[in-house]
Amino acid sequence: MGTNPFIGVVYHWLGGLASATCYLPFRGIKRWSWETYWLVQGTFSWIFAPLILATLLVPHLFSILHAAPSSSIFFAYFWGCLWGIGGLTCGLSIRYLGFALGYPIVLGLCTVFGTLMPPIFSGEMGSIAHQWSGQVILIGIGVCVIGIIFSAMAGLAKQKELSDQEKKASVKEFRYGRGIAVSILSGVMSACFAYGLAAGKPIADITRADLLSNRGVPLWQNLSVLVVVLWGGFTTNLLWCVVLLVRNRSAKQFSGTPGPDTDPPEDRAHVELTRGRLAGRLLFNNYSLAALAGVVWYFQFFFYSMGETEMGQYAFSSWTLHMASIIIFATILGFALKEWRGTSVRARSMVGAGLAFLVASTFVVGYGNYIKANEANPALHTAQR
């Protein structure tokens, strides 16, 4: 059964939508410190969801991992650990800059490093650049970068135009200098996820062979790789959260002891009246919202893994499609959350231009993979000639 790059683009769009919206449940969490809800969502997104879905869809998951080369397991885990730093700081970049400005910077750097470095290190870039299909994909990557630049310029214009009070209204902990530094670190380190997926290709190959021999669906071949990479990401985040839990003495929040009083003054009387129920309804609400954020987060790579299997020989281009899709939906979300309220027509026009380039890039990259798929199908290629 052949690949369908345009179906792959749709899968990547779904992954981008999941990524752009996964942090929304955090807005409903009350009286928990950041490290508390971050660790809960991480447990669901990096441990529970990957294991449960992979076990259901890849019946021989643990036998496959046992049979995989130890070097592939190690490097998939290693790059996952480094990616964990990027994922950790991505949340902080949104915290300090908001969706509108933080995401474009993080994902712009992540797009370039995550897309181009794997084929460069594997020695495939020369071959890609000398084929028409590969050239189209590289053009699509360039179009994506242009879209990211427009999005970043729009975010910078927004930052200059809004007053401090307006910035605080949309992003409560706005810190421009700190946010920029964290975003750059996050962008570079987040690209390590792509390296982890590349390192885990032998695991995916074993999984695919096992699925085909047992009448399974090859679409799930990358789920076993995700389990290993996400183990690495969980390790890094767990260590940092433990440091914060000890430093801030916030571990007791897991059992219902409230954290810092951040509620509006008019709500504090109600909080005092219901403090005894914090271990009940409010605690259940916090766990539920953090778990929901984690599961939605995981679905970005669940759909990513599906999209990658449809891209054919140039699967490396999936990273660009994923990043472009995230920025598209994150920008739309930024408008929905009124982060662009009060900005000039010029700033909003740049956002529109960025979105147009990003959407176009997904079609260009998809078309390049479509050309390659036809080149790989001699019968179809002959019929077209």
Protein backbone atom coordinates (compact mmCIF):
# COMPACT_ATOMS: atom_id res chain seq x y z
CA MET A 1 0.00 0.00 0.00
CA GLY A 2 1.49 3.34 -1.12
CA THR A 3 1.85 6.52 0.89
CA ASN A 4 -0.40 9.55 0.57
CA PRO A 5 1.48 12.76 1.46
CA PHE A 6 -1.64 14.91 1.42
CA ILE A 7 -3.32 12.66 3.98
CA GLY A 8 -0.07 13.00 5.92
CA VAL A 9 -0.46 16.80 5.83
CA VAL A 10 -3.95 16.45 7.35
CA TYR A 11 -2.54 14.28 10.14
CA HIS A 12 0.11 16.92 10.82
CA TRP A 13 -2.57 19.62 10.96
CA LEU A 14 -4.41 17.57 13.60
CA GLY A 15 -1.16 17.24 15.53
CA GLY A 16 -0.59 20.98 15.31
CA LEU A 17 -4.09 21.64 16.61
CA ALA A 18 -3.48 19.34 19.57
CA SER A 19 -0.16 21.03 20.36
CA ALA A 20 -1.56 24.55 20.13
CA THR A 21 -4.49 23.85 22.45
CA CYS A 22 -2.98 21.45 24.98
CA TYR A 23 -2.05 24.15 27.50
CA LEU A 24 -5.53 25.67 27.68
CA PRO A 25 -6.69 23.39 30.54
CA PHE A 26 -3.96 24.92 32.71
CA ARG A 27 -6.03 28.11 32.88
CA GLY A 28 -8.62 26.33 34.99
CA ILE A 29 -6.15 24.95 37.57
CA LYS A 30 -6.27 26.76 40.93
CA ARG A 31 -4.05 26.84 44.01
CA TRP A 32 -1.36 24.62 42.44
CA SER A 33 2.20 25.73 41.72
CA TRP A 34 3.62 25.32 38.24
CA GLU A 35 5.78 22.32 39.12
CA THR A 36 2.77 20.52 40.59
CA TYR A 37 0.51 20.62 37.56
CA TRP A 38 3.43 20.31 35.14
CA LEU A 39 4.49 17.00 36.67
CA VAL A 40 0.92 15.67 36.62
CA GLN A 41 0.41 16.57 32.97
CA GLY A 42 3.86 15.17 32.14
CA THR A 43 3.02 11.85 33.74
CA PHE A 44 -0.01 11.54 31.49
CA SER A 45 1.61 12.92 28.32
CA TRP A 46 4.99 11.16 28.53
CA ILE A 47 4.20 7.94 30.41
CA PHE A 48 0.54 6.91 30.57
CA ALA A 49 -0.81 7.97 27.16
CA PRO A 50 2.16 6.67 25.09
CA LEU A 51 2.23 3.31 26.89
CA ILE A 52 -1.52 2.75 26.83
CA LEU A 53 -2.02 3.61 23.15
CA ALA A 54 1.13 1.82 22.02
CA THR A 55 0.14 -1.30 23.97
CA LEU A 56 -3.32 -1.27 22.41
CA LEU A 57 -2.16 -0.64 18.84
CA VAL A 58 1.21 -2.46 18.87
CA PRO A 59 0.42 -5.82 20.54
CA HIS A 60 4.06 -6.96 20.90
CA LEU A 61 5.40 -3.62 22.13
CA PHE A 62 7.71 -4.86 24.87
CA SER A 63 9.02 -7.75 22.76
CA ILE A 64 9.84 -5.23 20.05
CA LEU A 65 11.68 -2.95 22.47
CA HIS A 66 13.60 -5.96 23.82
CA ALA A 67 14.63 -6.96 20.27
CA ALA A 68 15.62 -3.44 19.19
CA PRO A 69 19.33 -2.51 19.02
CA SER A 70 20.53 -1.16 22.35
CA SER A 71 22.21 1.77 20.60
CA SER A 72 18.90 2.83 19.06
CA ILE A 73 17.16 2.62 22.44
CA PHE A 74 19.94 4.61 24.11
CA PHE A 75 20.11 7.45 21.59
CA ALA A 76 16.34 7.74 21.27
CA TYR A 77 16.24 8.08 25.06
CA PHE A 78 19.28 10.41 25.13
CA TRP A 79 17.83 12.84 22.58
CA GLY A 80 14.54 12.62 24.44
CA CYS A 81 16.28 13.80 27.61
CA LEU A 82 17.72 16.82 25.78
CA TRP A 83 14.38 17.51 24.14
CA GLY A 84 12.87 17.48 27.64
CA ILE A 85 14.81 20.67 28.35
CA GLY A 86 13.21 22.26 25.29
CA GLY A 87 9.74 21.13 26.30
CA LEU A 88 10.32 22.37 29.84
CA THR A 89 11.38 25.82 28.70
CA CYS A 90 8.67 26.01 26.02
CA GLY A 91 6.08 26.22 28.75
CA LEU A 92 8.09 29.02 30.35
CA SER A 93 8.35 30.91 27.05
CA ILE A 94 4.55 30.93 26.74
CA ARG A 95 4.34 31.94 30.38
CA TYR A 96 6.58 34.98 29.79
CA LEU A 97 5.73 35.95 26.19
CA GLY A 98 2.32 34.44 25.44
CA PHE A 99 1.25 32.33 22.46
CA ALA A 100 1.56 35.13 19.92
CA LEU A 101 5.27 35.87 20.45
CA GLY A 102 6.67 32.85 22.30
CA TYR A 103 5.61 30.11 19.89
CA PRO A 104 7.02 31.66 16.67
CA ILE A 105 10.48 32.10 18.19
CA VAL A 106 10.62 28.64 19.73
CA LEU A 107 9.19 26.85 16.72
CA GLY A 108 11.17 28.87 14.19
CA LEU A 109 14.48 27.66 15.59
CA CYS A 110 13.03 24.21 16.19
CA THR A 111 11.87 23.98 12.57
CA VAL A 112 15.26 24.75 11.04
CA PHE A 113 17.31 22.55 13.37
CA GLY A 114 14.82 19.70 13.60
CA THR A 115 14.17 19.45 9.87
CA LEU A 116 17.62 19.88 8.36
CA MET A 117 20.03 18.36 10.87
CA PRO A 118 18.90 14.68 10.61
CA PRO A 119 19.41 14.43 6.80
CA ILE A 120 22.64 16.43 7.05
CA PHE A 121 24.11 14.05 9.64
CA SER A 122 22.89 10.99 7.73
CA GLY A 123 24.57 12.26 4.54
CA GLU A 124 21.30 12.43 2.58
CA MET A 125 21.10 16.18 2.07
CA GLY A 126 23.20 16.15 -1.10
CA SER A 127 20.92 13.61 -2.74
CA ILE A 128 17.81 15.49 -1.60
CA ALA A 129 19.08 18.80 -2.98
CA HIS A 130 19.82 17.27 -6.42
CA GLN A 131 16.32 15.86 -6.97
CA TRP A 132 13.35 17.92 -8.13
CA SER A 133 11.13 16.48 -5.39
CA GLY A 134 13.74 17.32 -2.76
CA GLN A 135 14.15 20.85 -4.14
CA VAL A 136 10.41 21.42 -3.88
CA ILE A 137 10.49 20.30 -0.25
CA LEU A 138 13.41 22.60 0.52
CA ILE A 139 11.47 25.46 -1.09
CA GLY A 140 8.53 24.55 1.16
CA ILE A 141 10.81 24.66 4.20
CA GLY A 142 11.99 28.10 3.09
CA VAL A 143 8.39 29.28 2.72
CA CYS A 144 7.71 28.01 6.24
CA VAL A 145 10.69 29.96 7.60
CA ILE A 146 9.41 33.13 5.88
CA GLY A 147 6.05 32.59 7.54
CA ILE A 148 7.73 32.18 10.92
CA ILE A 149 9.72 35.39 10.37
CA PHE A 150 6.51 37.30 9.62
CA SER A 151 4.91 35.82 12.74
CA ALA A 152 7.91 36.80 14.86
CA MET A 153 7.94 40.33 13.39
CA ALA A 154 4.25 40.65 14.17
CA GLY A 155 4.90 39.51 17.72
CA LEU A 156 7.70 42.05 18.10
CA ALA A 157 5.45 44.82 16.74
CA LYS A 158 2.78 43.79 19.21
CA GLN A 159 5.25 43.94 22.05
CA LYS A 160 6.26 47.50 21.11
CA GLU A 161 2.71 48.78 20.61
CA LEU A 162 1.02 47.53 23.78
CA SER A 163 1.36 49.25 27.12
CA ASP A 164 2.64 47.31 30.12
CA GLN A 165 -0.91 47.15 31.44
CA GLU A 166 -2.22 45.70 28.16
CA LYS A 167 0.59 43.13 28.06
CA LYS A 168 -0.24 42.04 31.58
CA ALA A 169 -3.91 41.71 30.65
CA SER A 170 -3.17 39.05 28.01
CA VAL A 171 0.01 37.54 29.53
CA LYS A 172 0.00 37.93 33.32
CA GLU A 173 3.72 37.21 33.83
CA PHE A 174 5.04 39.04 30.77
CA ARG A 175 8.87 39.29 30.86
CA TYR A 176 10.32 40.23 27.47
CA GLY A 177 14.07 39.76 28.06
CA ARG A 178 13.70 36.61 30.10
CA GLY A 179 11.13 35.25 27.65
CA ILE A 180 13.39 35.77 24.61
CA ALA A 181 16.32 33.99 26.28
CA VAL A 182 14.15 31.07 27.35
CA SER A 183 12.54 30.86 23.89
CA ILE A 184 15.91 30.61 22.11
CA LEU A 185 17.06 27.83 24.44
CA SER A 186 13.73 26.06 24.01
CA GLY A 187 13.83 26.28 20.21
CA VAL A 188 17.30 24.77 19.91
CA MET A 189 16.71 22.00 22.44
CA SER A 190 13.20 21.14 21.22
CA ALA A 191 14.68 20.09 17.87
CA CYS A 192 16.25 17.14 19.69
CA PHE A 193 12.90 15.35 19.46
CA ALA A 194 13.45 15.00 15.71
CA TYR A 195 16.91 13.55 16.39
CA GLY A 196 15.36 11.05 18.79
CA LEU A 197 12.86 9.91 16.17
CA ALA A 198 15.67 9.52 13.64
CA ALA A 199 17.74 7.52 16.13
CA GLY A 200 14.73 5.30 16.77
CA LYS A 201 14.23 4.32 13.12
CA PRO A 202 15.50 0.74 13.72
CA ILE A 203 12.80 0.40 16.40
CA ALA A 204 10.19 1.61 13.92
CA ASP A 205 11.44 -0.83 11.27
CA ILE A 206 11.09 -3.78 13.67
CA THR A 207 7.65 -2.56 14.67
CA ARG A 208 6.54 -2.25 11.05
CA ALA A 209 7.72 -5.78 10.24
CA ASP A 210 5.93 -7.15 13.30
CA LEU A 211 2.70 -5.33 12.45
CA LEU A 212 2.74 -6.53 8.84
CA SER A 213 3.40 -10.13 9.87
CA ASN A 214 0.46 -10.02 12.28
CA ARG A 215 -1.93 -8.16 9.97
CA GLY A 216 -1.48 -4.98 11.93
CA VAL A 217 -1.60 -1.40 10.64
CA PRO A 218 1.82 0.04 9.59
CA LEU A 219 0.43 3.46 10.48
CA TRP A 220 1.32 2.71 14.11
CA GLN A 221 4.97 1.81 13.49
CA ASN A 222 6.36 4.92 15.20
CA LEU A 223 4.37 4.58 18.41
CA SER A 224 7.03 2.32 19.94
CA VAL A 225 9.70 4.95 19.19
CA LEU A 226 7.60 7.62 20.89
CA VAL A 227 7.52 5.56 24.07
CA VAL A 228 11.33 5.61 24.32
CA VAL A 229 11.83 9.26 23.34
CA LEU A 230 9.16 10.39 25.79
CA TRP A 231 10.76 8.37 28.58
CA GLY A 232 13.77 10.60 28.09
CA GLY A 233 11.67 13.74 28.15
CA PHE A 234 9.93 12.64 31.32
CA THR A 235 13.28 12.01 33.04
CA THR A 236 14.47 15.58 32.52
CA ASN A 237 11.18 17.15 33.55
CA LEU A 238 10.85 14.90 36.59
CA LEU A 239 14.28 15.92 37.88
CA TRP A 240 13.56 19.63 37.51
CA CYS A 241 10.10 19.36 39.04
CA VAL A 242 11.50 17.49 42.03
CA VAL A 243 14.02 20.30 42.56
CA LEU A 244 11.19 22.86 42.54
CA LEU A 245 8.94 20.73 44.74
CA VAL A 246 11.68 20.57 47.38
CA ARG A 247 12.73 24.21 47.02
CA ASN A 248 9.16 25.58 47.13
CA ARG A 249 7.83 22.95 49.54
CA SER A 250 4.95 22.39 47.16
CA ALA A 251 4.79 18.57 47.16
CA LYS A 252 1.99 18.75 49.72
CA GLN A 253 -0.25 20.24 47.05
CA PHE A 254 -0.64 16.79 45.50
CA SER A 255 -2.69 15.74 48.54
CA GLY A 256 -4.82 18.87 48.67
CA THR A 257 -2.90 21.48 50.65
CA PRO A 258 -3.42 24.75 48.77
CA GLY A 259 -0.59 26.63 47.15
CA PRO A 260 -0.07 30.42 47.03
CA ASP A 261 -3.26 32.46 47.20
CA THR A 262 -3.51 33.80 43.68
CA ASP A 263 -7.29 34.18 43.59
CA PRO A 264 -8.85 37.60 43.01
CA PRO A 265 -9.76 39.41 46.26
CA GLU A 266 -13.49 38.97 45.69
CA ASP A 267 -13.00 35.20 45.49
CA ARG A 268 -10.88 34.80 48.59
CA ALA A 269 -13.81 34.76 51.00
CA HIS A 270 -15.32 31.92 49.01
CA VAL A 271 -11.97 30.11 48.99
CA GLU A 272 -11.78 30.36 52.77
CA LEU A 273 -15.28 28.92 53.10
CA THR A 274 -14.45 26.01 50.80
CA ARG A 275 -10.87 25.42 51.93
CA GLY A 276 -11.94 22.24 53.63
CA ARG A 277 -13.15 20.88 50.30
CA LEU A 278 -9.85 21.58 48.54
CA ALA A 279 -8.95 17.90 48.78
CA GLY A 280 -12.27 17.07 47.14
CA ARG A 281 -13.85 18.81 44.19
CA LEU A 282 -11.08 21.36 43.56
CA LEU A 283 -8.36 18.73 43.84
CA PHE A 284 -10.23 16.46 41.45
CA ASN A 285 -10.65 19.38 39.06
CA ASN A 286 -6.93 20.15 39.12
CA TYR A 287 -5.94 16.56 38.46
CA SER A 288 -8.52 16.24 35.69
CA LEU A 289 -7.43 19.41 33.90
CA ALA A 290 -3.72 18.55 34.18
CA ALA A 291 -4.40 15.03 32.89
CA LEU A 292 -6.47 16.42 30.01
CA ALA A 293 -3.62 18.77 29.08
CA GLY A 294 -1.21 15.84 29.10
CA VAL A 295 -3.35 13.57 26.93
CA VAL A 296 -4.06 16.33 24.40
CA TRP A 297 -0.34 17.12 24.35
CA TYR A 298 0.49 13.50 23.50
CA PHE A 299 -1.94 13.48 20.60
CA GLN A 300 0.24 15.97 18.75
CA PHE A 301 2.87 13.26 18.32
CA PHE A 302 0.31 10.50 17.95
CA PHE A 303 -0.89 12.27 14.80
CA TYR A 304 2.69 13.23 13.92
CA SER A 305 3.70 9.57 13.89
CA MET A 306 0.77 8.81 11.59
CA GLY A 307 1.62 11.70 9.28
CA GLU A 308 5.27 10.69 9.05
CA THR A 309 4.36 7.23 7.75
CA GLU A 310 2.45 8.87 4.89
CA MET A 311 5.28 11.16 3.76
CA GLY A 312 7.29 8.42 2.06
CA GLN A 313 11.07 8.59 1.62
CA TYR A 314 11.29 12.23 2.69
CA ALA A 315 9.83 11.68 6.14
CA PHE A 316 12.28 14.27 7.53
CA SER A 317 9.98 16.97 6.08
CA SER A 318 7.33 15.96 8.62
CA TRP A 319 9.06 18.14 11.19
CA THR A 320 8.45 21.26 9.09
CA LEU A 321 4.80 20.32 8.59
CA HIS A 322 4.39 19.76 12.31
CA MET A 323 5.97 23.08 13.28
CA ALA A 324 4.04 25.04 10.65
CA SER A 325 0.77 23.49 11.81
CA ILE A 326 1.47 24.33 15.45
CA ILE A 327 2.19 27.98 14.63
CA ILE A 328 -0.91 28.24 12.44
CA PHE A 329 -3.23 27.05 15.19
CA ALA A 330 -1.31 28.81 17.97
CA THR A 331 -1.66 32.12 16.11
CA ILE A 332 -5.38 31.56 15.62
CA LEU A 333 -5.61 30.72 19.31
CA GLY A 334 -3.75 33.92 20.14
CA PHE A 335 -6.48 35.89 18.37
CA ALA A 336 -9.19 33.90 20.14
CA LEU A 337 -7.58 34.70 23.49
CA LYS A 338 -7.48 38.40 22.50
CA GLU A 339 -3.68 38.60 22.70
CA TRP A 340 -3.75 40.85 19.60
CA ARG A 341 -6.38 43.22 20.93
CA GLY A 342 -5.23 46.83 20.69
CA THR A 343 -2.51 46.19 18.09
CA SER A 344 -2.20 48.11 14.82
CA VAL A 345 -3.42 47.06 11.40
CA ARG A 346 0.25 46.68 10.42
CA ALA A 347 0.89 44.11 13.15
CA ARG A 348 -2.25 42.15 12.33
CA SER A 349 -1.39 42.29 8.61
CA MET A 350 1.99 40.71 9.33
CA VAL A 351 0.22 37.97 11.27
CA GLY A 352 -2.02 37.36 8.26
CA ALA A 353 0.97 37.23 5.94
CA GLY A 354 2.71 34.78 8.28
CA LEU A 355 -0.33 32.54 8.34
CA ALA A 356 -0.60 32.62 4.54
CA PHE A 357 3.05 31.59 4.11
CA LEU A 358 2.73 28.85 6.75
CA VAL A 359 -0.38 27.35 5.18
CA ALA A 360 1.26 27.53 1.75
CA SER A 361 4.36 25.79 3.07
CA THR A 362 2.35 22.75 4.15
CA PHE A 363 0.99 22.35 0.62
CA VAL A 364 4.40 22.88 -1.01
CA VAL A 365 6.07 20.32 1.25
CA GLY A 366 3.18 17.92 0.69
CA TYR A 367 3.50 18.35 -3.07
CA GLY A 368 7.24 17.64 -2.94
CA ASN A 369 6.53 14.38 -1.14
CA TYR A 370 3.81 13.59 -3.68
CA ILE A 371 6.35 13.99 -6.49
CA LYS A 372 8.76 11.68 -4.69
CA ALA A 373 6.02 9.10 -4.12
CA ASN A 374 5.29 9.08 -7.87
CA GLU A 375 8.99 8.72 -8.66
CA ALA A 376 9.08 5.70 -6.38
CA ASN A 377 6.11 4.13 -8.19
CA PRO A 378 7.40 3.18 -11.67
CA ALA A 379 4.00 2.03 -12.93
CA LEU A 380 2.33 5.30 -11.98
CA HIS A 381 5.26 7.32 -13.27
CA THR A 382 5.14 5.51 -16.64
CA ALA A 383 1.38 6.02 -16.90
CA GLN A 384 1.77 9.75 -16.25
CA ARG A 385 4.42 10.00 -18.98
